[in-house]
Amino acid sequence: MSSKKKNFKIVKSLYEKDKFAQKMGFELLDLTEKTIKMKTTLRKDMENLYGKPHGAALFGFADAAFSILVNNQNNISVALDCSISYHNAADTGVTLYLDGKKLSTSRKICVCLFEIYKKKDSENVPIVTMKGTAYRTGRPIQK
């Protein structure tokens, strides 16, 4: 098995053990060395006091993708900084999609951008954008 396939297998098996992501219903659709695609459907138990999906649920969705993407090369990586912008409201019952990509990677730092959107009339309506910076420890997840 190539090291790239082994690395993806490692991070996918770790993601399956992520109790928070599993409980929230965050589904991994596609993962490459530099990109990720996910989806989730907003549920009633994710609502805030206004009856709209809680910002923490949206942040959690982007953060789950961040952890997968920065750890997909068998290099333990941890978040240093995340900034999030909320563009539009989403409603309970709506399926959201996430596209993420690595913007730059060095030996110690990885910067990623994540876009969460809903589909409406064949267009992508932006809901959230998150930028994350991770520190790469240089230690393997698994030997």
C-alpha atoms as a PDB file:
ATOM      1  CA  MET A   1       0.000   0.000   0.000  1.00  0.00           C
ATOM      2  CA  SER A   2       1.383   3.433  -0.894  1.00  0.00           C
ATOM      3  CA  SER A   3       2.155   5.818   1.971  1.00  0.00           C
ATOM      4  CA  LYS A   4      -0.475   8.264   0.664  1.00  0.00           C
ATOM      5  CA  LYS A   5      -3.218   5.596   0.771  1.00  0.00           C
ATOM      6  CA  LYS A   6      -2.012   4.474   4.205  1.00  0.00           C
ATOM      7  CA  ASN A   7      -2.148   8.078   5.506  1.00  0.00           C
ATOM      8  CA  PHE A   8      -5.715   8.547   4.233  1.00  0.00           C
ATOM      9  CA  LYS A   9      -6.749   5.226   5.764  1.00  0.00           C
ATOM     10  CA  ILE A  10      -5.306   6.345   9.118  1.00  0.00           C
ATOM     11  CA  VAL A  11      -7.134   9.692   9.173  1.00  0.00           C
ATOM     12  CA  LYS A  12     -10.415   8.169   7.950  1.00  0.00           C
ATOM     13  CA  SER A  13     -10.298   5.551  10.714  1.00  0.00           C
ATOM     14  CA  LEU A  14      -9.602   8.289  13.270  1.00  0.00           C
ATOM     15  CA  TYR A  15     -12.529  10.330  11.930  1.00  0.00           C
ATOM     16  CA  GLU A  16     -14.837   7.354  12.418  1.00  0.00           C
ATOM     17  CA  LYS A  17     -13.868   7.513  16.131  1.00  0.00           C
ATOM     18  CA  ASP A  18     -14.675  11.256  16.386  1.00  0.00           C
ATOM     19  CA  LYS A  19     -17.730  10.990  18.625  1.00  0.00           C
ATOM     20  CA  PHE A  20     -18.690  14.664  18.241  1.00  0.00           C
ATOM     21  CA  ALA A  21     -18.596  14.617  14.431  1.00  0.00           C
ATOM     22  CA  GLN A  22     -20.500  11.345  14.314  1.00  0.00           C
ATOM     23  CA  LYS A  23     -23.152  12.597  16.756  1.00  0.00           C
ATOM     24  CA  MET A  24     -23.580  15.785  14.727  1.00  0.00           C
ATOM     25  CA  GLY A  25     -24.001  13.800  11.499  1.00  0.00           C
ATOM     26  CA  PHE A  26     -21.015  15.260   9.635  1.00  0.00           C
ATOM     27  CA  GLU A  27     -20.446  13.031   6.615  1.00  0.00           C
ATOM     28  CA  LEU A  28     -17.078  12.780   4.847  1.00  0.00           C
ATOM     29  CA  LEU A  29     -17.647  12.674   1.072  1.00  0.00           C
ATOM     30  CA  ASP A  30     -14.165  13.037  -0.412  1.00  0.00           C
ATOM     31  CA  LEU A  31     -10.622  13.540   0.809  1.00  0.00           C
ATOM     32  CA  THR A  32      -7.429  14.180  -1.117  1.00  0.00           C
ATOM     33  CA  GLU A  33      -4.056  15.353   0.110  1.00  0.00           C
ATOM     34  CA  LYS A  34      -5.118  18.997  -0.385  1.00  0.00           C
ATOM     35  CA  THR A  35      -8.945  19.027  -0.396  1.00  0.00           C
ATOM     36  CA  ILE A  36     -11.976  17.784   1.505  1.00  0.00           C
ATOM     37  CA  LYS A  37     -15.719  17.597   0.824  1.00  0.00           C
ATOM     38  CA  MET A  38     -18.359  16.954   3.473  1.00  0.00           C
ATOM     39  CA  LYS A  39     -22.081  17.366   4.063  1.00  0.00           C
ATOM     40  CA  THR A  40     -24.531  17.527   6.947  1.00  0.00           C
ATOM     41  CA  THR A  41     -28.231  18.105   7.420  1.00  0.00           C
ATOM     42  CA  LEU A  42     -29.198  20.659  10.055  1.00  0.00           C
ATOM     43  CA  ARG A  43     -31.378  19.128  12.756  1.00  0.00           C
ATOM     44  CA  LYS A  44     -33.766  20.545  15.329  1.00  0.00           C
ATOM     45  CA  ASP A  45     -31.362  19.699  18.175  1.00  0.00           C
ATOM     46  CA  MET A  46     -28.817  22.068  16.555  1.00  0.00           C
ATOM     47  CA  GLU A  47     -31.063  25.144  16.952  1.00  0.00           C
ATOM     48  CA  ASN A  48     -30.256  28.245  18.988  1.00  0.00           C
ATOM     49  CA  LEU A  49     -32.722  30.366  20.984  1.00  0.00           C
ATOM     50  CA  TYR A  50     -34.082  31.904  17.752  1.00  0.00           C
ATOM     51  CA  GLY A  51     -34.921  28.531  16.201  1.00  0.00           C
ATOM     52  CA  LYS A  52     -32.039  28.766  13.726  1.00  0.00           C
ATOM     53  CA  PRO A  53     -29.025  26.453  13.557  1.00  0.00           C
ATOM     54  CA  HIS A  54     -26.534  27.389  16.262  1.00  0.00           C
ATOM     55  CA  GLY A  55     -23.293  29.041  15.165  1.00  0.00           C
ATOM     56  CA  ALA A  56     -21.419  26.433  17.187  1.00  0.00           C
ATOM     57  CA  ALA A  57     -22.898  23.670  15.016  1.00  0.00           C
ATOM     58  CA  LEU A  58     -21.636  25.468  11.909  1.00  0.00           C
ATOM     59  CA  PHE A  59     -18.228  26.093  13.461  1.00  0.00           C
ATOM     60  CA  GLY A  60     -18.090  22.455  14.574  1.00  0.00           C
ATOM     61  CA  PHE A  61     -18.763  21.326  11.006  1.00  0.00           C
ATOM     62  CA  ALA A  62     -15.877  23.410   9.648  1.00  0.00           C
ATOM     63  CA  ASP A  63     -13.623  22.410  12.562  1.00  0.00           C
ATOM     64  CA  ALA A  64     -14.258  18.698  11.967  1.00  0.00           C
ATOM     65  CA  ALA A  65     -13.189  19.146   8.333  1.00  0.00           C
ATOM     66  CA  PHE A  66     -10.143  21.141   9.465  1.00  0.00           C
ATOM     67  CA  SER A  67      -8.974  18.332  11.755  1.00  0.00           C
ATOM     68  CA  ILE A  68      -9.264  15.755   8.980  1.00  0.00           C
ATOM     69  CA  LEU A  69      -7.579  17.848   6.304  1.00  0.00           C
ATOM     70  CA  VAL A  70      -4.559  18.937   8.370  1.00  0.00           C
ATOM     71  CA  ASN A  71      -3.939  15.433   9.726  1.00  0.00           C
ATOM     72  CA  ASN A  72      -4.222  13.532   6.441  1.00  0.00           C
ATOM     73  CA  GLN A  73      -0.468  13.134   5.954  1.00  0.00           C
ATOM     74  CA  ASN A  74       0.170  11.132   9.139  1.00  0.00           C
ATOM     75  CA  ASN A  75       1.582  14.211  10.875  1.00  0.00           C
ATOM     76  CA  ILE A  76      -0.109  15.159  14.160  1.00  0.00           C
ATOM     77  CA  SER A  77      -1.375  18.697  13.596  1.00  0.00           C
ATOM     78  CA  VAL A  78      -3.238  20.962  16.019  1.00  0.00           C
ATOM     79  CA  ALA A  79      -5.146  24.197  15.516  1.00  0.00           C
ATOM     80  CA  LEU A  80      -3.366  27.458  16.248  1.00  0.00           C
ATOM     81  CA  ASP A  81      -6.059  29.818  14.994  1.00  0.00           C
ATOM     82  CA  CYS A  82      -9.484  29.742  13.366  1.00  0.00           C
ATOM     83  CA  SER A  83     -11.516  32.668  12.112  1.00  0.00           C
ATOM     84  CA  ILE A  84     -15.069  32.309  10.906  1.00  0.00           C
ATOM     85  CA  SER A  85     -17.487  34.537   9.015  1.00  0.00           C
ATOM     86  CA  TYR A  86     -21.234  33.902   8.911  1.00  0.00           C
ATOM     87  CA  HIS A  87     -22.719  35.088   5.610  1.00  0.00           C
ATOM     88  CA  ASN A  88     -26.311  33.839   5.512  1.00  0.00           C
ATOM     89  CA  ALA A  89     -28.695  32.034   7.812  1.00  0.00           C
ATOM     90  CA  ALA A  90     -29.590  28.424   7.185  1.00  0.00           C
ATOM     91  CA  ASP A  91     -32.771  26.677   8.239  1.00  0.00           C
ATOM     92  CA  THR A  92     -33.301  23.448  10.116  1.00  0.00           C
ATOM     93  CA  GLY A  93     -33.722  20.565   7.687  1.00  0.00           C
ATOM     94  CA  VAL A  94     -31.397  22.076   5.079  1.00  0.00           C
ATOM     95  CA  THR A  95     -28.425  20.059   3.835  1.00  0.00           C
ATOM     96  CA  LEU A  96     -25.162  21.963   3.956  1.00  0.00           C
ATOM     97  CA  TYR A  97     -22.053  21.167   1.942  1.00  0.00           C
ATOM     98  CA  LEU A  98     -18.448  21.940   2.772  1.00  0.00           C
ATOM     99  CA  ASP A  99     -15.510  22.374   0.428  1.00  0.00           C
ATOM    100  CA  GLY A 100     -12.107  22.793   2.034  1.00  0.00           C
ATOM    101  CA  LYS A 101      -8.599  23.193   0.707  1.00  0.00           C
ATOM    102  CA  LYS A 102      -5.070  23.682   1.917  1.00  0.00           C
ATOM    103  CA  LEU A 103      -3.862  27.135   0.932  1.00  0.00           C
ATOM    104  CA  SER A 104      -0.265  26.600   2.038  1.00  0.00           C
ATOM    105  CA  THR A 105       1.718  23.948   3.834  1.00  0.00           C
ATOM    106  CA  SER A 106       5.226  24.153   5.241  1.00  0.00           C
ATOM    107  CA  ARG A 107       7.163  21.838   7.515  1.00  0.00           C
ATOM    108  CA  LYS A 108       5.487  23.380  10.620  1.00  0.00           C
ATOM    109  CA  ILE A 109       2.393  25.325   9.463  1.00  0.00           C
ATOM    110  CA  CYS A 110      -0.681  24.526   7.365  1.00  0.00           C
ATOM    111  CA  VAL A 111      -3.305  27.125   6.385  1.00  0.00           C
ATOM    112  CA  CYS A 112      -6.724  26.007   5.126  1.00  0.00           C
ATOM    113  CA  LEU A 113      -9.917  27.610   3.853  1.00  0.00           C
ATOM    114  CA  PHE A 114     -13.390  26.085   4.253  1.00  0.00           C
ATOM    115  CA  GLU A 115     -16.606  27.161   2.565  1.00  0.00           C
ATOM    116  CA  ILE A 116     -19.972  25.938   3.818  1.00  0.00           C
ATOM    117  CA  TYR A 117     -22.926  26.483   1.515  1.00  0.00           C
ATOM    118  CA  LYS A 118     -26.432  25.352   0.715  1.00  0.00           C
ATOM    119  CA  LYS A 119     -27.686  24.605  -2.767  1.00  0.00           C
ATOM    120  CA  LYS A 120     -30.615  26.640  -4.038  1.00  0.00           C
ATOM    121  CA  ASP A 121     -31.857  26.686  -7.640  1.00  0.00           C
ATOM    122  CA  SER A 122     -28.590  25.189  -8.957  1.00  0.00           C
ATOM    123  CA  GLU A 123     -26.529  27.845  -7.158  1.00  0.00           C
ATOM    124  CA  ASN A 124     -24.341  27.622  -4.069  1.00  0.00           C
ATOM    125  CA  VAL A 125     -25.486  30.065  -1.383  1.00  0.00           C
ATOM    126  CA  PRO A 126     -22.623  30.843   1.032  1.00  0.00           C
ATOM    127  CA  ILE A 127     -23.388  30.221   4.707  1.00  0.00           C
ATOM    128  CA  VAL A 128     -19.970  30.207   6.420  1.00  0.00           C
ATOM    129  CA  THR A 129     -16.316  30.729   5.553  1.00  0.00           C
ATOM    130  CA  MET A 130     -13.612  29.583   7.967  1.00  0.00           C
ATOM    131  CA  LYS A 131      -9.854  29.974   7.729  1.00  0.00           C
ATOM    132  CA  GLY A 132      -7.736  27.787   9.961  1.00  0.00           C
ATOM    133  CA  THR A 133      -4.030  27.645  10.756  1.00  0.00           C
ATOM    134  CA  ALA A 134      -2.534  24.476  12.189  1.00  0.00           C
ATOM    135  CA  TYR A 135       0.805  23.614  13.755  1.00  0.00           C
ATOM    136  CA  ARG A 136       2.361  20.436  12.324  1.00  0.00           C
ATOM    137  CA  THR A 137       4.243  18.625  15.101  1.00  0.00           C
ATOM    138  CA  GLY A 138       6.266  16.341  12.857  1.00  0.00           C
ATOM    139  CA  ARG A 139       5.158  13.353  14.951  1.00  0.00           C
ATOM    140  CA  PRO A 140       3.328  10.524  13.179  1.00  0.00           C
ATOM    141  CA  ILE A 141      -0.245   9.641  14.123  1.00  0.00           C
ATOM    142  CA  GLN A 142       0.566   5.981  13.594  1.00  0.00           C
ATOM    143  CA  LYS A 143       3.870   4.274  12.860  1.00  0.00           C
END
